[in-house]
PDB file of N, CA and C in Angstrom:
ATOM      1  N   MET A   1     -80.962 -43.538  36.660  1.00  0.00           N
ATOM      2  CA  MET A   1     -79.635 -42.971  36.605  1.00  0.00           C
ATOM      3  C   MET A   1     -79.667 -41.508  36.166  1.00  0.00           C
ATOM      4  N   ALA A   2     -80.532 -41.188  35.210  1.00  0.00           N
ATOM      5  CA  ALA A   2     -80.609 -39.813  34.712  1.00  0.00           C
ATOM      6  C   ALA A   2     -81.004 -38.851  35.829  1.00  0.00           C
ATOM      7  N   GLN A   3     -81.908 -39.267  36.715  1.00  0.00           N
ATOM      8  CA  GLN A   3     -82.313 -38.408  37.827  1.00  0.00           C
ATOM      9  C   GLN A   3     -81.142 -38.146  38.768  1.00  0.00           C
ATOM     10  N   VAL A   4     -80.334 -39.154  39.004  1.00  0.00           N
ATOM     11  CA  VAL A   4     -79.162 -38.999  39.861  1.00  0.00           C
ATOM     12  C   VAL A   4     -78.192 -38.004  39.228  1.00  0.00           C
ATOM     13  N   GLN A   5     -77.970 -38.113  37.920  1.00  0.00           N
ATOM     14  CA  GLN A   5     -77.080 -37.180  37.227  1.00  0.00           C
ATOM     15  C   GLN A   5     -77.611 -35.751  37.315  1.00  0.00           C
ATOM     16  N   ARG A   6     -78.910 -35.568  37.126  1.00  0.00           N
ATOM     17  CA  ARG A   6     -79.502 -34.230  37.234  1.00  0.00           C
ATOM     18  C   ARG A   6     -79.325 -33.676  38.637  1.00  0.00           C
ATOM     19  N   ASP A   7     -79.578 -34.511  39.637  1.00  0.00           N
ATOM     20  CA  ASP A   7     -79.434 -34.064  41.021  1.00  0.00           C
ATOM     21  C   ASP A   7     -77.982 -33.706  41.346  1.00  0.00           C
ATOM     22  N   LEU A   8     -77.037 -34.505  40.856  1.00  0.00           N
ATOM     23  CA  LEU A   8     -75.625 -34.218  41.101  1.00  0.00           C
ATOM     24  C   LEU A   8     -75.205 -32.912  40.430  1.00  0.00           C
ATOM     25  N   CYS A   9     -75.707 -32.647  39.242  1.00  0.00           N
ATOM     26  CA  CYS A   9     -75.398 -31.391  38.561  1.00  0.00           C
ATOM     27  C   CYS A   9     -75.954 -30.201  39.335  1.00  0.00           C
ATOM     28  N   ARG A  10     -77.171 -30.334  39.838  1.00  0.00           N
ATOM     29  CA  ARG A  10     -77.753 -29.245  40.638  1.00  0.00           C
ATOM     30  C   ARG A  10     -76.932 -29.009  41.905  1.00  0.00           C
ATOM     31  N   LEU A  11     -76.535 -30.089  42.547  1.00  0.00           N
ATOM     32  CA  LEU A  11     -75.726 -29.978  43.757  1.00  0.00           C
ATOM     33  C   LEU A  11     -74.373 -29.334  43.447  1.00  0.00           C
ATOM     34  N   LEU A  12     -73.728 -29.775  42.386  1.00  0.00           N
ATOM     35  CA  LEU A  12     -72.439 -29.220  41.992  1.00  0.00           C
ATOM     36  C   LEU A  12     -72.567 -27.729  41.698  1.00  0.00           C
ATOM     37  N   PHE A  13     -73.586 -27.354  40.962  1.00  0.00           N
ATOM     38  CA  PHE A  13     -73.798 -25.937  40.647  1.00  0.00           C
ATOM     39  C   PHE A  13     -74.000 -25.122  41.920  1.00  0.00           C
ATOM     40  N   ALA A  14     -74.809 -25.628  42.829  1.00  0.00           N
ATOM     41  CA  ALA A  14     -75.072 -24.905  44.086  1.00  0.00           C
ATOM     42  C   ALA A  14     -73.802 -24.765  44.917  1.00  0.00           C
ATOM     43  N   LEU A  15     -73.002 -25.815  44.986  1.00  0.00           N
ATOM     44  CA  LEU A  15     -71.785 -25.775  45.793  1.00  0.00           C
ATOM     45  C   LEU A  15     -70.768 -24.776  45.265  1.00  0.00           C
ATOM     46  N   VAL A  16     -70.557 -24.771  43.967  1.00  0.00           N
ATOM     47  CA  VAL A  16     -69.524 -23.897  43.413  1.00  0.00           C
ATOM     48  C   VAL A  16     -70.022 -22.480  43.174  1.00  0.00           C
ATOM     49  N   SER A  17     -71.288 -22.224  43.437  1.00  0.00           N
ATOM     50  CA  SER A  17     -71.834 -20.880  43.281  1.00  0.00           C
ATOM     51  C   SER A  17     -71.725 -20.069  44.564  1.00  0.00           C
ATOM     52  N   SER A  18     -70.998 -20.563  45.531  1.00  0.00           N
ATOM     53  CA  SER A  18     -70.820 -19.871  46.805  1.00  0.00           C
ATOM     54  C   SER A  18     -70.150 -18.520  46.587  1.00  0.00           C
ATOM     55  N   ASP A  19     -70.510 -17.543  47.421  1.00  0.00           N
ATOM     56  CA  ASP A  19     -69.897 -16.216  47.342  1.00  0.00           C
ATOM     57  C   ASP A  19     -68.509 -16.187  47.978  1.00  0.00           C
ATOM     58  N   ASN A  20     -68.151 -17.206  48.744  1.00  0.00           N
ATOM     59  CA  ASN A  20     -66.910 -17.231  49.486  1.00  0.00           C
ATOM     60  C   ASN A  20     -65.864 -18.072  48.731  1.00  0.00           C
ATOM     61  N   PRO A  21     -64.869 -17.419  48.097  1.00  0.00           N
ATOM     62  CA  PRO A  21     -63.872 -18.173  47.314  1.00  0.00           C
ATOM     63  C   PRO A  21     -63.130 -19.234  48.126  1.00  0.00           C
ATOM     64  N   GLU A  22     -62.819 -18.949  49.383  1.00  0.00           N
ATOM     65  CA  GLU A  22     -62.118 -19.938  50.199  1.00  0.00           C
ATOM     66  C   GLU A  22     -62.975 -21.185  50.411  1.00  0.00           C
ATOM     67  N   HIS A  23     -64.280 -20.987  50.556  1.00  0.00           N
ATOM     68  CA  HIS A  23     -65.204 -22.107  50.720  1.00  0.00           C
ATOM     69  C   HIS A  23     -65.249 -22.939  49.442  1.00  0.00           C
ATOM     70  N   VAL A  24     -65.294 -22.275  48.296  1.00  0.00           N
ATOM     71  CA  VAL A  24     -65.322 -22.984  47.014  1.00  0.00           C
ATOM     72  C   VAL A  24     -64.055 -23.829  46.857  1.00  0.00           C
ATOM     73  N   ILE A  25     -62.891 -23.238  47.162  1.00  0.00           N
ATOM     74  CA  ILE A  25     -61.629 -23.971  47.037  1.00  0.00           C
ATOM     75  C   ILE A  25     -61.604 -25.163  47.992  1.00  0.00           C
ATOM     76  N   ALA A  26     -62.083 -24.975  49.199  1.00  0.00           N
ATOM     77  CA  ALA A  26     -62.124 -26.078  50.171  1.00  0.00           C
ATOM     78  C   ALA A  26     -63.011 -27.213  49.671  1.00  0.00           C
ATOM     79  N   ILE A  27     -64.148 -26.870  49.100  1.00  0.00           N
ATOM     80  CA  ILE A  27     -65.057 -27.894  48.557  1.00  0.00           C
ATOM     81  C   ILE A  27     -64.372 -28.657  47.427  1.00  0.00           C
ATOM     82  N   LEU A  28     -63.748 -27.922  46.498  1.00  0.00           N
ATOM     83  CA  LEU A  28     -63.073 -28.577  45.386  1.00  0.00           C
ATOM     84  C   LEU A  28     -61.969 -29.507  45.875  1.00  0.00           C
ATOM     85  N   GLU A  29     -61.181 -29.040  46.831  1.00  0.00           N
ATOM     86  CA  GLU A  29     -60.069 -29.854  47.313  1.00  0.00           C
ATOM     87  C   GLU A  29     -60.543 -31.118  48.039  1.00  0.00           C
ATOM     88  N   MET A  30     -61.697 -31.043  48.684  1.00  0.00           N
ATOM     89  CA  MET A  30     -62.240 -32.246  49.339  1.00  0.00           C
ATOM     90  C   MET A  30     -62.821 -33.204  48.310  1.00  0.00           C
ATOM     91  N   ALA A  31     -63.556 -32.657  47.351  1.00  0.00           N
ATOM     92  CA  ALA A  31     -64.224 -33.502  46.359  1.00  0.00           C
ATOM     93  C   ALA A  31     -63.247 -34.045  45.322  1.00  0.00           C
ATOM     94  N   TRP A  32     -62.347 -33.193  44.868  1.00  0.00           N
ATOM     95  CA  TRP A  32     -61.392 -33.553  43.822  1.00  0.00           C
ATOM     96  C   TRP A  32     -59.988 -33.174  44.292  1.00  0.00           C
ATOM     97  N   PRO A  33     -59.296 -34.043  44.999  1.00  0.00           N
ATOM     98  CA  PRO A  33     -57.969 -33.710  45.526  1.00  0.00           C
ATOM     99  C   PRO A  33     -56.988 -33.221  44.467  1.00  0.00           C
ATOM    100  N   TRP A  34     -57.161 -33.620  43.228  1.00  0.00           N
ATOM    101  CA  TRP A  34     -56.256 -33.192  42.162  1.00  0.00           C
ATOM    102  C   TRP A  34     -56.296 -31.683  41.942  1.00  0.00           C
ATOM    103  N   THR A  35     -57.358 -30.997  42.395  1.00  0.00           N
ATOM    104  CA  THR A  35     -57.431 -29.537  42.214  1.00  0.00           C
ATOM    105  C   THR A  35     -56.393 -28.818  43.057  1.00  0.00           C
ATOM    106  N   ARG A  36     -55.815 -29.494  44.058  1.00  0.00           N
ATOM    107  CA  ARG A  36     -54.776 -28.870  44.889  1.00  0.00           C
ATOM    108  C   ARG A  36     -53.534 -28.515  44.079  1.00  0.00           C
ATOM    109  N   ALA A  37     -53.359 -29.141  42.926  1.00  0.00           N
ATOM    110  CA  ALA A  37     -52.213 -28.838  42.064  1.00  0.00           C
ATOM    111  C   ALA A  37     -52.400 -27.530  41.299  1.00  0.00           C
ATOM    112  N   LEU A  38     -53.622 -27.032  41.267  1.00  0.00           N
ATOM    113  CA  LEU A  38     -53.911 -25.797  40.536  1.00  0.00           C
ATOM    114  C   LEU A  38     -53.674 -24.573  41.412  1.00  0.00           C
ATOM    115  N   PRO A  39     -53.224 -23.468  40.807  1.00  0.00           N
ATOM    116  CA  PRO A  39     -53.164 -22.209  41.555  1.00  0.00           C
ATOM    117  C   PRO A  39     -54.586 -21.802  41.982  1.00  0.00           C
ATOM    118  N   ALA A  40     -54.690 -20.998  43.031  1.00  0.00           N
ATOM    119  CA  ALA A  40     -55.999 -20.597  43.562  1.00  0.00           C
ATOM    120  C   ALA A  40     -56.875 -19.945  42.495  1.00  0.00           C
ATOM    121  N   ASN A  41     -56.298 -19.087  41.661  1.00  0.00           N
ATOM    122  CA  ASN A  41     -57.101 -18.440  40.617  1.00  0.00           C
ATOM    123  C   ASN A  41     -57.675 -19.464  39.647  1.00  0.00           C
ATOM    124  N   ASP A  42     -56.880 -20.471  39.306  1.00  0.00           N
ATOM    125  CA  ASP A  42     -57.374 -21.522  38.419  1.00  0.00           C
ATOM    126  C   ASP A  42     -58.483 -22.327  39.096  1.00  0.00           C
ATOM    127  N   GLN A  43     -58.354 -22.566  40.399  1.00  0.00           N
ATOM    128  CA  GLN A  43     -59.410 -23.296  41.109  1.00  0.00           C
ATOM    129  C   GLN A  43     -60.730 -22.531  41.032  1.00  0.00           C
ATOM    130  N   LEU A  44     -60.661 -21.219  41.174  1.00  0.00           N
ATOM    131  CA  LEU A  44     -61.882 -20.413  41.095  1.00  0.00           C
ATOM    132  C   LEU A  44     -62.440 -20.398  39.675  1.00  0.00           C
ATOM    133  N   GLU A  45     -61.559 -20.351  38.677  1.00  0.00           N
ATOM    134  CA  GLU A  45     -62.021 -20.423  37.284  1.00  0.00           C
ATOM    135  C   GLU A  45     -62.668 -21.777  37.008  1.00  0.00           C
ATOM    136  N   LEU A  46     -62.046 -22.845  37.517  1.00  0.00           N
ATOM    137  CA  LEU A  46     -62.609 -24.187  37.366  1.00  0.00           C
ATOM    138  C   LEU A  46     -64.018 -24.221  37.967  1.00  0.00           C
ATOM    139  N   ALA A  47     -64.162 -23.696  39.180  1.00  0.00           N
ATOM    140  CA  ALA A  47     -65.461 -23.706  39.851  1.00  0.00           C
ATOM    141  C   ALA A  47     -66.506 -22.959  39.029  1.00  0.00           C
ATOM    142  N   ALA A  48     -66.145 -21.790  38.519  1.00  0.00           N
ATOM    143  CA  ALA A  48     -67.090 -21.009  37.731  1.00  0.00           C
ATOM    144  C   ALA A  48     -67.494 -21.747  36.460  1.00  0.00           C
ATOM    145  N   GLU A  49     -66.504 -22.314  35.772  1.00  0.00           N
ATOM    146  CA  GLU A  49     -66.799 -23.018  34.521  1.00  0.00           C
ATOM    147  C   GLU A  49     -67.606 -24.280  34.772  1.00  0.00           C
ATOM    148  N   VAL A  50     -67.192 -25.067  35.760  1.00  0.00           N
ATOM    149  CA  VAL A  50     -67.900 -26.309  36.062  1.00  0.00           C
ATOM    150  C   VAL A  50     -69.338 -26.005  36.503  1.00  0.00           C
ATOM    151  N   GLY A  51     -69.511 -24.965  37.290  1.00  0.00           N
ATOM    152  CA  GLY A  51     -70.863 -24.601  37.727  1.00  0.00           C
ATOM    153  C   GLY A  51     -71.777 -24.279  36.563  1.00  0.00           C
ATOM    154  N   ARG A  52     -71.280 -23.436  35.650  1.00  0.00           N
ATOM    155  CA  ARG A  52     -72.094 -23.062  34.474  1.00  0.00           C
ATOM    156  C   ARG A  52     -72.390 -24.266  33.593  1.00  0.00           C
ATOM    157  N   VAL A  53     -71.367 -25.095  33.359  1.00  0.00           N
ATOM    158  CA  VAL A  53     -71.545 -26.250  32.482  1.00  0.00           C
ATOM    159  C   VAL A  53     -72.450 -27.293  33.145  1.00  0.00           C
ATOM    160  N   ALA A  54     -72.337 -27.465  34.458  1.00  0.00           N
ATOM    161  CA  ALA A  54     -73.221 -28.405  35.165  1.00  0.00           C
ATOM    162  C   ALA A  54     -74.674 -27.966  35.041  1.00  0.00           C
ATOM    163  N   GLU A  55     -74.913 -26.672  35.222  1.00  0.00           N
ATOM    164  CA  GLU A  55     -76.281 -26.158  35.094  1.00  0.00           C
ATOM    165  C   GLU A  55     -76.799 -26.361  33.670  1.00  0.00           C
ATOM    166  N   MET A  56     -75.963 -26.059  32.671  1.00  0.00           N
ATOM    167  CA  MET A  56     -76.360 -26.239  31.277  1.00  0.00           C
ATOM    168  C   MET A  56     -76.616 -27.716  30.976  1.00  0.00           C
ATOM    169  N   SER A  57     -75.708 -28.590  31.431  1.00  0.00           N
ATOM    170  CA  SER A  57     -75.850 -30.021  31.170  1.00  0.00           C
ATOM    171  C   SER A  57     -77.132 -30.566  31.773  1.00  0.00           C
ATOM    172  N   GLU A  58     -77.411 -30.145  32.992  1.00  0.00           N
ATOM    173  CA  GLU A  58     -78.633 -30.603  33.657  1.00  0.00           C
ATOM    174  C   GLU A  58     -79.864 -30.162  32.876  1.00  0.00           C
ATOM    175  N   SER A  59     -79.873 -28.931  32.402  1.00  0.00           N
ATOM    176  CA  SER A  59     -81.058 -28.436  31.699  1.00  0.00           C
ATOM    177  C   SER A  59     -81.225 -29.077  30.328  1.00  0.00           C
ATOM    178  N   LEU A  60     -80.111 -29.503  29.716  1.00  0.00           N
ATOM    179  CA  LEU A  60     -80.184 -30.144  28.407  1.00  0.00           C
ATOM    180  C   LEU A  60     -80.307 -31.661  28.508  1.00  0.00           C
ATOM    181  N   GLY A  61     -79.986 -32.213  29.679  1.00  0.00           N
ATOM    182  CA  GLY A  61     -80.044 -33.662  29.842  1.00  0.00           C
ATOM    183  C   GLY A  61     -78.890 -34.380  29.158  1.00  0.00           C
ATOM    184  N   THR A  62     -77.778 -33.678  28.952  1.00  0.00           N
ATOM    185  CA  THR A  62     -76.589 -34.293  28.372  1.00  0.00           C
ATOM    186  C   THR A  62     -75.399 -33.939  29.251  1.00  0.00           C
ATOM    187  N   TYR A  63     -74.596 -34.913  29.591  1.00  0.00           N
ATOM    188  CA  TYR A  63     -73.537 -34.713  30.575  1.00  0.00           C
ATOM    189  C   TYR A  63     -72.139 -34.773  29.974  1.00  0.00           C
ATOM    190  N   ARG A  64     -72.043 -35.009  28.681  1.00  0.00           N
ATOM    191  CA  ARG A  64     -70.737 -35.075  28.010  1.00  0.00           C
ATOM    192  C   ARG A  64     -69.965 -33.764  28.157  1.00  0.00           C
ATOM    193  N   PRO A  65     -70.604 -32.587  27.961  1.00  0.00           N
ATOM    194  CA  PRO A  65     -69.842 -31.341  28.124  1.00  0.00           C
ATOM    195  C   PRO A  65     -69.240 -31.201  29.519  1.00  0.00           C
ATOM    196  N   LEU A  66     -69.972 -31.593  30.548  1.00  0.00           N
ATOM    197  CA  LEU A  66     -69.471 -31.501  31.911  1.00  0.00           C
ATOM    198  C   LEU A  66     -68.298 -32.446  32.114  1.00  0.00           C
ATOM    199  N   LEU A  67     -68.417 -33.663  31.638  1.00  0.00           N
ATOM    200  CA  LEU A  67     -67.320 -34.627  31.762  1.00  0.00           C
ATOM    201  C   LEU A  67     -66.075 -34.139  31.022  1.00  0.00           C
ATOM    202  N   ASP A  68     -66.276 -33.512  29.859  1.00  0.00           N
ATOM    203  CA  ASP A  68     -65.143 -32.992  29.095  1.00  0.00           C
ATOM    204  C   ASP A  68     -64.444 -31.853  29.824  1.00  0.00           C
ATOM    205  N   VAL A  69     -65.218 -30.938  30.422  1.00  0.00           N
ATOM    206  CA  VAL A  69     -64.632 -29.816  31.153  1.00  0.00           C
ATOM    207  C   VAL A  69     -63.827 -30.318  32.349  1.00  0.00           C
ATOM    208  N   ILE A  70     -64.381 -31.260  33.088  1.00  0.00           N
ATOM    209  CA  ILE A  70     -63.676 -31.801  34.248  1.00  0.00           C
ATOM    210  C   ILE A  70     -62.389 -32.498  33.804  1.00  0.00           C
ATOM    211  N   ALA A  71     -62.449 -33.266  32.710  1.00  0.00           N
ATOM    212  CA  ALA A  71     -61.250 -33.950  32.204  1.00  0.00           C
ATOM    213  C   ALA A  71     -60.191 -32.946  31.762  1.00  0.00           C
ATOM    214  N   ASP A  72     -60.610 -31.857  31.119  1.00  0.00           N
ATOM    215  CA  ASP A  72     -59.657 -30.828  30.690  1.00  0.00           C
ATOM    216  C   ASP A  72     -58.962 -30.192  31.884  1.00  0.00           C
ATOM    217  N   TRP A  73     -59.731 -29.863  32.919  1.00  0.00           N
ATOM    218  CA  TRP A  73     -59.134 -29.263  34.115  1.00  0.00           C
ATOM    219  C   TRP A  73     -58.210 -30.244  34.826  1.00  0.00           C
ATOM    220  N   ARG A  74     -58.562 -31.513  34.821  1.00  0.00           N
ATOM    221  CA  ARG A  74     -57.704 -32.515  35.455  1.00  0.00           C
ATOM    222  C   ARG A  74     -56.359 -32.595  34.717  1.00  0.00           C
ATOM    223  N   ARG A  75     -56.414 -32.530  33.386  1.00  0.00           N
ATOM    224  CA  ARG A  75     -55.164 -32.527  32.611  1.00  0.00           C
ATOM    225  C   ARG A  75     -54.336 -31.277  32.925  1.00  0.00           C
ATOM    226  N   THR A  76     -55.003 -30.142  33.117  1.00  0.00           N
ATOM    227  CA  THR A  76     -54.292 -28.918  33.487  1.00  0.00           C
ATOM    228  C   THR A  76     -53.629 -29.078  34.850  1.00  0.00           C
ATOM    229  N   ALA A  77     -54.342 -29.664  35.802  1.00  0.00           N
ATOM    230  CA  ALA A  77     -53.768 -29.900  37.132  1.00  0.00           C
ATOM    231  C   ALA A  77     -52.566 -30.834  37.036  1.00  0.00           C
ATOM    232  N   ARG A  78     -52.671 -31.847  36.209  1.00  0.00           N
ATOM    233  CA  ARG A  78     -51.554 -32.779  36.031  1.00  0.00           C
ATOM    234  C   ARG A  78     -50.336 -32.041  35.458  1.00  0.00           C
ATOM    235  N   ALA A  79     -50.566 -31.137  34.524  1.00  0.00           N
ATOM    236  CA  ALA A  79     -49.465 -30.359  33.954  1.00  0.00           C
ATOM    237  C   ALA A  79     -48.800 -29.495  35.023  1.00  0.00           C
ATOM    238  N   TRP A  80     -49.608 -28.826  35.862  1.00  0.00           N
ATOM    239  CA  TRP A  80     -49.053 -28.029  36.959  1.00  0.00           C
ATOM    240  C   TRP A  80     -48.255 -28.929  37.908  1.00  0.00           C
ATOM    241  N   ALA A  81     -48.790 -30.090  38.222  1.00  0.00           N
ATOM    242  CA  ALA A  81     -48.104 -31.007  39.140  1.00  0.00           C
ATOM    243  C   ALA A  81     -46.781 -31.494  38.554  1.00  0.00           C
ATOM    244  N   ASP A  82     -46.718 -31.592  37.234  1.00  0.00           N
ATOM    245  CA  ASP A  82     -45.493 -32.014  36.566  1.00  0.00           C
ATOM    246  C   ASP A  82     -44.498 -30.869  36.401  1.00  0.00           C
ATOM    247  N   GLY A  83     -44.864 -29.681  36.885  1.00  0.00           N
ATOM    248  CA  GLY A  83     -43.950 -28.544  36.819  1.00  0.00           C
ATOM    249  C   GLY A  83     -44.060 -27.708  35.567  1.00  0.00           C
ATOM    250  N   LEU A  84     -45.044 -27.994  34.739  1.00  0.00           N
ATOM    251  CA  LEU A  84     -45.230 -27.194  33.528  1.00  0.00           C
ATOM    252  C   LEU A  84     -45.977 -25.911  33.889  1.00  0.00           C
ATOM    253  N   VAL A  85     -45.631 -24.838  33.227  1.00  0.00           N
ATOM    254  CA  VAL A  85     -46.308 -23.564  33.461  1.00  0.00           C
ATOM    255  C   VAL A  85     -46.789 -23.020  32.127  1.00  0.00           C
ATOM    256  N   PRO A  86     -47.838 -22.201  32.144  1.00  0.00           N
ATOM    257  CA  PRO A  86     -48.329 -21.636  30.882  1.00  0.00           C
ATOM    258  C   PRO A  86     -47.267 -20.758  30.229  1.00  0.00           C
ATOM    259  N   LEU A  87     -47.212 -20.830  28.910  1.00  0.00           N
ATOM    260  CA  LEU A  87     -46.274 -19.988  28.178  1.00  0.00           C
ATOM    261  C   LEU A  87     -46.766 -18.552  28.105  1.00  0.00           C
ATOM    262  N   GLU A  88     -48.076 -18.386  28.025  1.00  0.00           N
ATOM    263  CA  GLU A  88     -48.667 -17.060  27.949  1.00  0.00           C
ATOM    264  C   GLU A  88     -50.115 -17.139  28.383  1.00  0.00           C
ATOM    265  N   SER A  89     -50.658 -16.025  28.781  1.00  0.00           N
ATOM    266  CA  SER A  89     -52.071 -15.982  29.139  1.00  0.00           C
ATOM    267  C   SER A  89     -52.901 -15.997  27.870  1.00  0.00           C
ATOM    268  N   VAL A  90     -54.017 -16.659  27.948  1.00  0.00           N
ATOM    269  CA  VAL A  90     -54.935 -16.702  26.821  1.00  0.00           C
ATOM    270  C   VAL A  90     -56.240 -16.085  27.276  1.00  0.00           C
ATOM    271  N   GLU A  91     -56.638 -15.031  26.608  1.00  0.00           N
ATOM    272  CA  GLU A  91     -57.911 -14.382  26.918  1.00  0.00           C
ATOM    273  C   GLU A  91     -58.993 -15.042  26.080  1.00  0.00           C
ATOM    274  N   ILE A  92     -60.079 -15.388  26.705  1.00  0.00           N
ATOM    275  CA  ILE A  92     -61.208 -15.986  26.004  1.00  0.00           C
ATOM    276  C   ILE A  92     -62.301 -14.937  25.925  1.00  0.00           C
ATOM    277  N   ALA A  93     -62.810 -14.750  24.731  1.00  0.00           N
ATOM    278  CA  ALA A  93     -63.871 -13.762  24.537  1.00  0.00           C
ATOM    279  C   ALA A  93     -65.062 -14.111  25.406  1.00  0.00           C
ATOM    280  N   GLU A  94     -65.687 -13.082  25.967  1.00  0.00           N
ATOM    281  CA  GLU A  94     -66.845 -13.334  26.826  1.00  0.00           C
ATOM    282  C   GLU A  94     -67.976 -13.974  26.048  1.00  0.00           C
ATOM    283  N   GLU A  95     -68.148 -13.550  24.822  1.00  0.00           N
ATOM    284  CA  GLU A  95     -69.198 -14.152  23.997  1.00  0.00           C
ATOM    285  C   GLU A  95     -68.543 -14.851  22.816  1.00  0.00           C
ATOM    286  N   LEU A  96     -68.698 -16.156  22.793  1.00  0.00           N
ATOM    287  CA  LEU A  96     -68.158 -16.930  21.689  1.00  0.00           C
ATOM    288  C   LEU A  96     -69.254 -17.060  20.628  1.00  0.00           C
ATOM    289  N   HIS A  97     -68.861 -16.925  19.410  1.00  0.00           N
ATOM    290  CA  HIS A  97     -69.810 -17.005  18.307  1.00  0.00           C
ATOM    291  C   HIS A  97     -69.663 -18.352  17.635  1.00  0.00           C
ATOM    292  N   ALA A  98     -70.730 -19.067  17.469  1.00  0.00           N
ATOM    293  CA  ALA A  98     -70.647 -20.393  16.858  1.00  0.00           C
ATOM    294  C   ALA A  98     -71.783 -20.565  15.864  1.00  0.00           C
ATOM    295  N   GLU A  99     -71.506 -21.313  14.831  1.00  0.00           N
ATOM    296  CA  GLU A  99     -72.531 -21.661  13.856  1.00  0.00           C
ATOM    297  C   GLU A  99     -73.448 -22.709  14.469  1.00  0.00           C
ATOM    298  N   ARG A 100     -74.697 -22.653  14.153  1.00  0.00           N
ATOM    299  CA  ARG A 100     -75.629 -23.696  14.609  1.00  0.00           C
ATOM    300  C   ARG A 100     -75.501 -24.912  13.724  1.00  0.00           C
ATOM    301  N   PRO A 101     -75.612 -26.100  14.298  1.00  0.00           N
ATOM    302  CA  PRO A 101     -75.520 -27.323  13.476  1.00  0.00           C
ATOM    303  C   PRO A 101     -76.719 -27.464  12.568  1.00  0.00           C
TER     304      PRO A 101
END
């Protein structure tokens, strides 16, 4: 099972790393129909984040971070589908600083 998870993460990373944004959105909409509820910019952000996290998860051999990111984006899509809109933009620092455990 672990090999299948690693292979799926590599495939996911390769798919969402496409240079063509329309291709990335088409892939997401086929694989995860719920992404159609997201604005195009959010779909591209989802692809970028999922790609990075999939690559990291595969290299660490832990898939919880990837599952959490996908679940968070799905909740965001559900909010958009329910007619909720963001109250304000939130800028995330490019480099997050964290204490080591």
